[in-house]
Amino acid sequence: SGVTGWEKECHQTIEYKLTLDSNPQFTASVLVA
């Protein structure tokens, strides 16, 4: 959550989200890549 602009007038939000049915299977997929 941050701001940009000379007067810091623009609020900007970056959100990255994961919803996982299986934690180990997803983690495993990262390891293989």
All heavy atoms as atom14 arrays in JSON, in Angstrom:
{
  "sequence": "SGVTGWEKECHQTIEYKLTLDSNPQFTASVLVA",
  "atom14_mask": [
    [1, 1, 1, 1, 1, 1, 0, 0, 0, 0, 0, 0, 0, 0],
    [1, 1, 1, 1, 0, 0, 0, 0, 0, 0, 0, 0, 0, 0],
    [1, 1, 1, 1, 1, 1, 1, 0, 0, 0, 0, 0, 0, 0],
    [1, 1, 1, 1, 1, 1, 1, 0, 0, 0, 0, 0, 0, 0],
    [1, 1, 1, 1, 0, 0, 0, 0, 0, 0, 0, 0, 0, 0],
    [1, 1, 1, 1, 1, 1, 1, 1, 1, 1, 1, 1, 1, 1],
    [1, 1, 1, 1, 1, 1, 1, 1, 1, 0, 0, 0, 0, 0],
    [1, 1, 1, 1, 1, 1, 1, 1, 1, 0, 0, 0, 0, 0],
    [1, 1, 1, 1, 1, 1, 1, 1, 1, 0, 0, 0, 0, 0],
    [1, 1, 1, 1, 1, 1, 0, 0, 0, 0, 0, 0, 0, 0],
    [1, 1, 1, 1, 1, 1, 1, 1, 1, 1, 0, 0, 0, 0],
    [1, 1, 1, 1, 1, 1, 1, 1, 1, 0, 0, 0, 0, 0],
    [1, 1, 1, 1, 1, 1, 1, 0, 0, 0, 0, 0, 0, 0],
    [1, 1, 1, 1, 1, 1, 1, 1, 0, 0, 0, 0, 0, 0],
    [1, 1, 1, 1, 1, 1, 1, 1, 1, 0, 0, 0, 0, 0],
    [1, 1, 1, 1, 1, 1, 1, 1, 1, 1, 1, 1, 0, 0],
    [1, 1, 1, 1, 1, 1, 1, 1, 1, 0, 0, 0, 0, 0],
    [1, 1, 1, 1, 1, 1, 1, 1, 0, 0, 0, 0, 0, 0],
    [1, 1, 1, 1, 1, 1, 1, 0, 0, 0, 0, 0, 0, 0],
    [1, 1, 1, 1, 1, 1, 1, 1, 0, 0, 0, 0, 0, 0],
    [1, 1, 1, 1, 1, 1, 1, 1, 0, 0, 0, 0, 0, 0],
    [1, 1, 1, 1, 1, 1, 0, 0, 0, 0, 0, 0, 0, 0],
    [1, 1, 1, 1, 1, 1, 1, 1, 0, 0, 0, 0, 0, 0],
    [1, 1, 1, 1, 1, 1, 1, 0, 0, 0, 0, 0, 0, 0],
    [1, 1, 1, 1, 1, 1, 1, 1, 1, 0, 0, 0, 0, 0],
    [1, 1, 1, 1, 1, 1, 1, 1, 1, 1, 1, 0, 0, 0],
    [1, 1, 1, 1, 1, 1, 1, 0, 0, 0, 0, 0, 0, 0],
    [1, 1, 1, 1, 1, 0, 0, 0, 0, 0, 0, 0, 0, 0],
    [1, 1, 1, 1, 1, 1, 0, 0, 0, 0, 0, 0, 0, 0],
    [1, 1, 1, 1, 1, 1, 1, 0, 0, 0, 0, 0, 0, 0],
    [1, 1, 1, 1, 1, 1, 1, 1, 0, 0, 0, 0, 0, 0],
    [1, 1, 1, 1, 1, 1, 1, 0, 0, 0, 0, 0, 0, 0],
    [1, 1, 1, 1, 1, 0, 0, 0, 0, 0, 0, 0, 0, 0]
  ],
  "atom14_positions": [
    [[0.86, -1.18, 0.0], [0.0, 0.0, 0.0], [0.9, 1.23, 0.0], [1.69, 1.43, 0.92], [-0.91, -0.01, 1.24], [-1.74, 1.12, 1.27], [0.0, 0.0, 0.0], [0.0, 0.0, 0.0], [0.0, 0.0, 0.0], [0.0, 0.0, 0.0], [0.0, 0.0, 0.0], [0.0, 0.0, 0.0], [0.0, 0.0, 0.0], [0.0, 0.0, 0.0]],
    [[0.81, 2.04, -1.07], [1.72, 3.18, -1.19], [1.08, 4.37, -1.87], [-0.1, 4.35, -2.24], [0.0, 0.0, 0.0], [0.0, 0.0, 0.0], [0.0, 0.0, 0.0], [0.0, 0.0, 0.0], [0.0, 0.0, 0.0], [0.0, 0.0, 0.0], [0.0, 0.0, 0.0], [0.0, 0.0, 0.0], [0.0, 0.0, 0.0], [0.0, 0.0, 0.0]],
    [[1.9, 5.41, -2.06], [1.43, 6.64, -2.69], [2.42, 7.07, -3.76], [3.61, 6.78, -3.69], [1.24, 7.78, -1.67], [0.1, 7.47, -0.71], [2.54, 8.03, -0.9], [0.0, 0.0, 0.0], [0.0, 0.0, 0.0], [0.0, 0.0, 0.0], [0.0, 0.0, 0.0], [0.0, 0.0, 0.0], [0.0, 0.0, 0.0], [0.0, 0.0, 0.0]],
    [[1.89, 7.77, -4.78], [2.72, 8.39, -5.8], [2.22, 9.82, -6.02], [1.17, 10.21, -5.51], [2.63, 7.61, -7.14], [1.26, 7.58, -7.57], [3.15, 6.19, -6.99], [0.0, 0.0, 0.0], [0.0, 0.0, 0.0], [0.0, 0.0, 0.0], [0.0, 0.0, 0.0], [0.0, 0.0, 0.0], [0.0, 0.0, 0.0], [0.0, 0.0, 0.0]],
    [[3.0, 10.58, -6.79], [2.63, 11.96, -7.08], [3.44, 12.94, -6.25], [3.9, 12.62, -5.14], [0.0, 0.0, 0.0], [0.0, 0.0, 0.0], [0.0, 0.0, 0.0], [0.0, 0.0, 0.0], [0.0, 0.0, 0.0], [0.0, 0.0, 0.0], [0.0, 0.0, 0.0], [0.0, 0.0, 0.0], [0.0, 0.0, 0.0], [0.0, 0.0, 0.0]],
    [[3.6, 14.17, -6.79], [4.38, 15.2, -6.09], [3.82, 15.5, -4.72], [4.55, 15.79, -3.78], [4.46, 16.47, -6.94], [5.28, 16.31, -8.18], [4.83, 16.26, -9.47], [6.7, 16.16, -8.24], [5.87, 16.08, -10.34], [7.05, 16.03, -9.62], [7.72, 16.14, -7.3], [8.35, 15.87, -10.05], [9.02, 15.97, -7.73], [9.33, 15.84, -9.09]],
    [[2.51, 15.49, -4.6], [1.87, 15.76, -3.32], [1.43, 14.47, -2.63], [0.66, 14.5, -1.68], [0.65, 16.66, -3.54], [0.94, 17.95, -4.28], [1.96, 18.82, -3.57], [1.98, 18.8, -2.32], [2.75, 19.49, -4.26], [0.0, 0.0, 0.0], [0.0, 0.0, 0.0], [0.0, 0.0, 0.0], [0.0, 0.0, 0.0], [0.0, 0.0, 0.0]],
    [[1.91, 13.34, -3.16], [1.53, 12.02, -2.63], [0.02, 11.86, -2.61], [-0.57, 11.3, -1.68], [2.12, 11.81, -1.23], [3.64, 11.92, -1.2], [4.2, 11.68, 0.19], [5.72, 11.81, 0.19], [6.31, 11.59, 1.53], [0.0, 0.0, 0.0], [0.0, 0.0, 0.0], [0.0, 0.0, 0.0], [0.0, 0.0, 0.0], [0.0, 0.0, 0.0]],
    [[-0.6, 12.39, -3.71], [-2.05, 12.45, -3.75], [-2.72, 11.19, -4.28], [-3.93, 11.01, -4.15], [-2.48, 13.65, -4.62], [-2.19, 13.51, -6.12], [-0.79, 13.92, -6.53], [0.08, 14.08, -5.65], [-0.56, 14.1, -7.74], [0.0, 0.0, 0.0], [0.0, 0.0, 0.0], [0.0, 0.0, 0.0], [0.0, 0.0, 0.0], [0.0, 0.0, 0.0]],
    [[-1.92, 10.29, -4.9], [-2.52, 9.1, -5.52], [-2.18, 7.87, -4.69], [-1.0, 7.52, -4.53], [-2.01, 8.93, -6.94], [-2.53, 10.22, -8.06], [0.0, 0.0, 0.0], [0.0, 0.0, 0.0], [0.0, 0.0, 0.0], [0.0, 0.0, 0.0], [0.0, 0.0, 0.0], [0.0, 0.0, 0.0], [0.0, 0.0, 0.0], [0.0, 0.0, 0.0]],
    [[-3.19, 7.23, -4.19], [-2.99, 6.0, -3.43], [-2.97, 4.82, -4.4], [-3.84, 4.7, -5.28], [-4.1, 5.79, -2.39], [-3.96, 4.5, -1.64], [-4.72, 3.39, -1.92], [-3.11, 4.14, -0.66], [-4.35, 2.41, -1.12], [-3.38, 2.84, -0.35], [0.0, 0.0, 0.0], [0.0, 0.0, 0.0], [0.0, 0.0, 0.0], [0.0, 0.0, 0.0]],
    [[-1.96, 3.94, -4.25], [-1.79, 2.78, -5.13], [-1.67, 1.51, -4.27], [-0.98, 1.53, -3.25], [-0.52, 2.93, -5.98], [-0.24, 4.31, -6.52], [-1.04, 4.64, -7.77], [-2.05, 4.01, -8.05], [-0.62, 5.65, -8.51], [0.0, 0.0, 0.0], [0.0, 0.0, 0.0], [0.0, 0.0, 0.0], [0.0, 0.0, 0.0], [0.0, 0.0, 0.0]],
    [[-2.35, 0.47, -4.71], [-2.29, -0.8, -3.98], [-1.94, -1.93, -4.93], [-2.52, -2.04, -6.02], [-3.63, -1.12, -3.3], [-3.98, -0.08, -2.39], [-3.54, -2.43, -2.52], [0.0, 0.0, 0.0], [0.0, 0.0, 0.0], [0.0, 0.0, 0.0], [0.0, 0.0, 0.0], [0.0, 0.0, 0.0], [0.0, 0.0, 0.0], [0.0, 0.0, 0.0]],
    [[-0.96, -2.72, -4.55], [-0.61, -3.94, -5.29], [-0.96, -5.12, -4.38], [-0.54, -5.18, -3.23], [0.89, -3.99, -5.63], [1.29, -2.78, -6.47], [1.24, -5.29, -6.35], [2.8, -2.66, -6.68], [0.0, 0.0, 0.0], [0.0, 0.0, 0.0], [0.0, 0.0, 0.0], [0.0, 0.0, 0.0], [0.0, 0.0, 0.0], [0.0, 0.0, 0.0]],
    [[-1.75, -6.05, -4.91], [-2.08, -7.24, -4.12], [-1.89, -8.49, -4.97], [-2.37, -8.57, -6.1], [-3.52, -7.19, -3.59], [-3.88, -8.43, -2.76], [-5.19, -8.31, -1.99], [-5.79, -7.22, -2.01], [-5.6, -9.3, -1.37], [0.0, 0.0, 0.0], [0.0, 0.0, 0.0], [0.0, 0.0, 0.0], [0.0, 0.0, 0.0], [0.0, 0.0, 0.0]],
    [[-1.16, -9.45, -4.41], [-0.95, -10.74, -5.04], [-1.55, -11.79, -4.12], [-1.22, -11.84, -2.93], [0.55, -11.0, -5.23], [0.9, -12.34, -5.84], [0.77, -12.55, -7.21], [1.37, -13.37, -5.05], [1.11, -13.77, -7.78], [1.71, -14.59, -5.61], [1.58, -14.79, -6.98], [1.92, -16.0, -7.53], [0.0, 0.0, 0.0], [0.0, 0.0, 0.0]],
    [[-2.45, -12.61, -4.67], [-3.22, -13.52, -3.82], [-3.15, -14.94, -4.34], [-3.16, -15.18, -5.55], [-4.69, -13.06, -3.77], [-5.58, -13.9, -2.86], [-7.0, -13.36, -2.85], [-7.91, -14.18, -1.93], [-9.3, -13.68, -1.94], [0.0, 0.0, 0.0], [0.0, 0.0, 0.0], [0.0, 0.0, 0.0], [0.0, 0.0, 0.0], [0.0, 0.0, 0.0]],
    [[-3.06, -15.89, -3.41], [-3.12, -17.31, -3.73], [-4.24, -17.97, -2.94], [-4.41, -17.7, -1.75], [-1.8, -18.01, -3.37], [-0.55, -17.61, -4.16], [0.66, -18.31, -3.57], [-0.71, -17.96, -5.63], [0.0, 0.0, 0.0], [0.0, 0.0, 0.0], [0.0, 0.0, 0.0], [0.0, 0.0, 0.0], [0.0, 0.0, 0.0], [0.0, 0.0, 0.0]],
    [[-5.0, -18.83, -3.6], [-6.01, -19.66, -2.94], [-5.73, -21.09, -3.35], [-5.87, -21.45, -4.53], [-7.43, -19.25, -3.37], [-7.64, -17.87, -3.08], [-8.47, -20.09, -2.64], [0.0, 0.0, 0.0], [0.0, 0.0, 0.0], [0.0, 0.0, 0.0], [0.0, 0.0, 0.0], [0.0, 0.0, 0.0], [0.0, 0.0, 0.0], [0.0, 0.0, 0.0]],
    [[-5.3, -21.91, -2.39], [-4.74, -23.22, -2.71], [-5.56, -24.34, -2.08], [-5.77, -24.35, -0.86], [-3.3, -23.32, -2.21], [-2.37, -22.15, -2.58], [-1.01, -22.33, -1.92], [-2.24, -22.04, -4.09], [0.0, 0.0, 0.0], [0.0, 0.0, 0.0], [0.0, 0.0, 0.0], [0.0, 0.0, 0.0], [0.0, 0.0, 0.0], [0.0, 0.0, 0.0]],
    [[-6.0, -25.29, -2.9], [-6.63, -26.49, -2.36], [-5.61, -27.38, -1.66], [-5.94, -28.09, -0.71], [-7.3, -27.28, -3.48], [-8.7, -26.77, -3.82], [-9.21, -25.91, -3.08], [-9.25, -27.23, -4.84], [0.0, 0.0, 0.0], [0.0, 0.0, 0.0], [0.0, 0.0, 0.0], [0.0, 0.0, 0.0], [0.0, 0.0, 0.0], [0.0, 0.0, 0.0]],
    [[-4.38, -27.37, -2.18], [-3.33, -28.22, -1.6], [-2.03, -27.44, -1.5], [-1.39, -27.16, -2.53], [-3.12, -29.47, -2.46], [-1.97, -30.19, -2.01], [0.0, 0.0, 0.0], [0.0, 0.0, 0.0], [0.0, 0.0, 0.0], [0.0, 0.0, 0.0], [0.0, 0.0, 0.0], [0.0, 0.0, 0.0], [0.0, 0.0, 0.0], [0.0, 0.0, 0.0]],
    [[-1.66, -27.1, -0.3], [-0.4, -26.43, -0.03], [0.8, -27.25, -0.55], [1.62, -26.74, -1.32], [-0.3, -26.16, 1.48], [0.96, -25.43, 1.9], [1.84, -25.15, 1.1], [1.05, -25.12, 3.17], [0.0, 0.0, 0.0], [0.0, 0.0, 0.0], [0.0, 0.0, 0.0], [0.0, 0.0, 0.0], [0.0, 0.0, 0.0], [0.0, 0.0, 0.0]],
    [[0.92, -28.54, -0.2], [2.11, -29.28, -0.64], [2.17, -29.45, -2.15], [3.26, -29.39, -2.74], [2.01, -30.62, 0.08], [0.59, -30.74, 0.52], [0.13, -29.35, 0.75], [0.0, 0.0, 0.0], [0.0, 0.0, 0.0], [0.0, 0.0, 0.0], [0.0, 0.0, 0.0], [0.0, 0.0, 0.0], [0.0, 0.0, 0.0], [0.0, 0.0, 0.0]],
    [[1.03, -29.66, -2.82], [1.08, -29.83, -4.26], [1.48, -28.54, -4.97], [2.22, -28.57, -5.96], [-0.27, -30.33, -4.78], [-0.57, -31.78, -4.43], [-1.84, -32.3, -5.05], [-2.32, -31.76, -6.04], [-2.4, -33.34, -4.45], [0.0, 0.0, 0.0], [0.0, 0.0, 0.0], [0.0, 0.0, 0.0], [0.0, 0.0, 0.0], [0.0, 0.0, 0.0]],
    [[1.02, -27.4, -4.46], [1.41, -26.13, -5.08], [2.89, -25.85, -4.82], [3.63, -25.46, -5.72], [0.56, -24.99, -4.54], [0.81, -23.68, -5.24], [0.2, -23.38, -6.44], [1.69, -22.75, -4.7], [0.44, -22.19, -7.1], [1.96, -21.55, -5.35], [1.32, -21.27, -6.55], [0.0, 0.0, 0.0], [0.0, 0.0, 0.0], [0.0, 0.0, 0.0]],
    [[3.33, -26.04, -3.58], [4.74, -25.84, -3.25], [5.62, -26.74, -4.11], [6.66, -26.33, -4.63], [4.99, -26.13, -1.76], [4.21, -25.23, -0.97], [6.46, -25.97, -1.4], [0.0, 0.0, 0.0], [0.0, 0.0, 0.0], [0.0, 0.0, 0.0], [0.0, 0.0, 0.0], [0.0, 0.0, 0.0], [0.0, 0.0, 0.0], [0.0, 0.0, 0.0]],
    [[5.18, -27.99, -4.29], [5.93, -28.92, -5.13], [6.04, -28.42, -6.56], [7.09, -28.56, -7.21], [5.23, -30.29, -5.12], [0.0, 0.0, 0.0], [0.0, 0.0, 0.0], [0.0, 0.0, 0.0], [0.0, 0.0, 0.0], [0.0, 0.0, 0.0], [0.0, 0.0, 0.0], [0.0, 0.0, 0.0], [0.0, 0.0, 0.0], [0.0, 0.0, 0.0]],
    [[4.97, -27.81, -7.07], [4.98, -27.29, -8.44], [6.0, -26.17, -8.59], [6.66, -26.05, -9.64], [3.59, -26.82, -8.83], [2.66, -27.88, -8.81], [0.0, 0.0, 0.0], [0.0, 0.0, 0.0], [0.0, 0.0, 0.0], [0.0, 0.0, 0.0], [0.0, 0.0, 0.0], [0.0, 0.0, 0.0], [0.0, 0.0, 0.0], [0.0, 0.0, 0.0]],
    [[6.15, -25.34, -7.55], [7.17, -24.29, -7.57], [8.56, -24.91, -7.58], [9.45, -24.5, -8.34], [7.0, -23.35, -6.37], [8.1, -22.28, -6.37], [5.62, -22.68, -6.38], [0.0, 0.0, 0.0], [0.0, 0.0, 0.0], [0.0, 0.0, 0.0], [0.0, 0.0, 0.0], [0.0, 0.0, 0.0], [0.0, 0.0, 0.0], [0.0, 0.0, 0.0]],
    [[8.77, -25.93, -6.77], [10.08, -26.57, -6.69], [10.49, -27.17, -8.04], [11.66, -27.08, -8.45], [10.08, -27.67, -5.63], [9.88, -27.23, -4.18], [9.86, -28.45, -3.26], [10.94, -26.26, -3.73], [0.0, 0.0, 0.0], [0.0, 0.0, 0.0], [0.0, 0.0, 0.0], [0.0, 0.0, 0.0], [0.0, 0.0, 0.0], [0.0, 0.0, 0.0]],
    [[9.56, -27.77, -8.73], [9.88, -28.41, -10.01], [10.22, -27.36, -11.07], [11.17, -27.53, -11.85], [8.72, -29.32, -10.46], [8.93, -29.81, -11.89], [8.59, -30.51, -9.51], [0.0, 0.0, 0.0], [0.0, 0.0, 0.0], [0.0, 0.0, 0.0], [0.0, 0.0, 0.0], [0.0, 0.0, 0.0], [0.0, 0.0, 0.0], [0.0, 0.0, 0.0]],
    [[9.47, -26.26, -11.11], [9.81, -25.18, -12.04], [11.2, -24.63, -11.73], [11.97, -24.32, -12.65], [8.76, -24.07, -11.96], [0.0, 0.0, 0.0], [0.0, 0.0, 0.0], [0.0, 0.0, 0.0], [0.0, 0.0, 0.0], [0.0, 0.0, 0.0], [0.0, 0.0, 0.0], [0.0, 0.0, 0.0], [0.0, 0.0, 0.0], [0.0, 0.0, 0.0]]
  ]
}
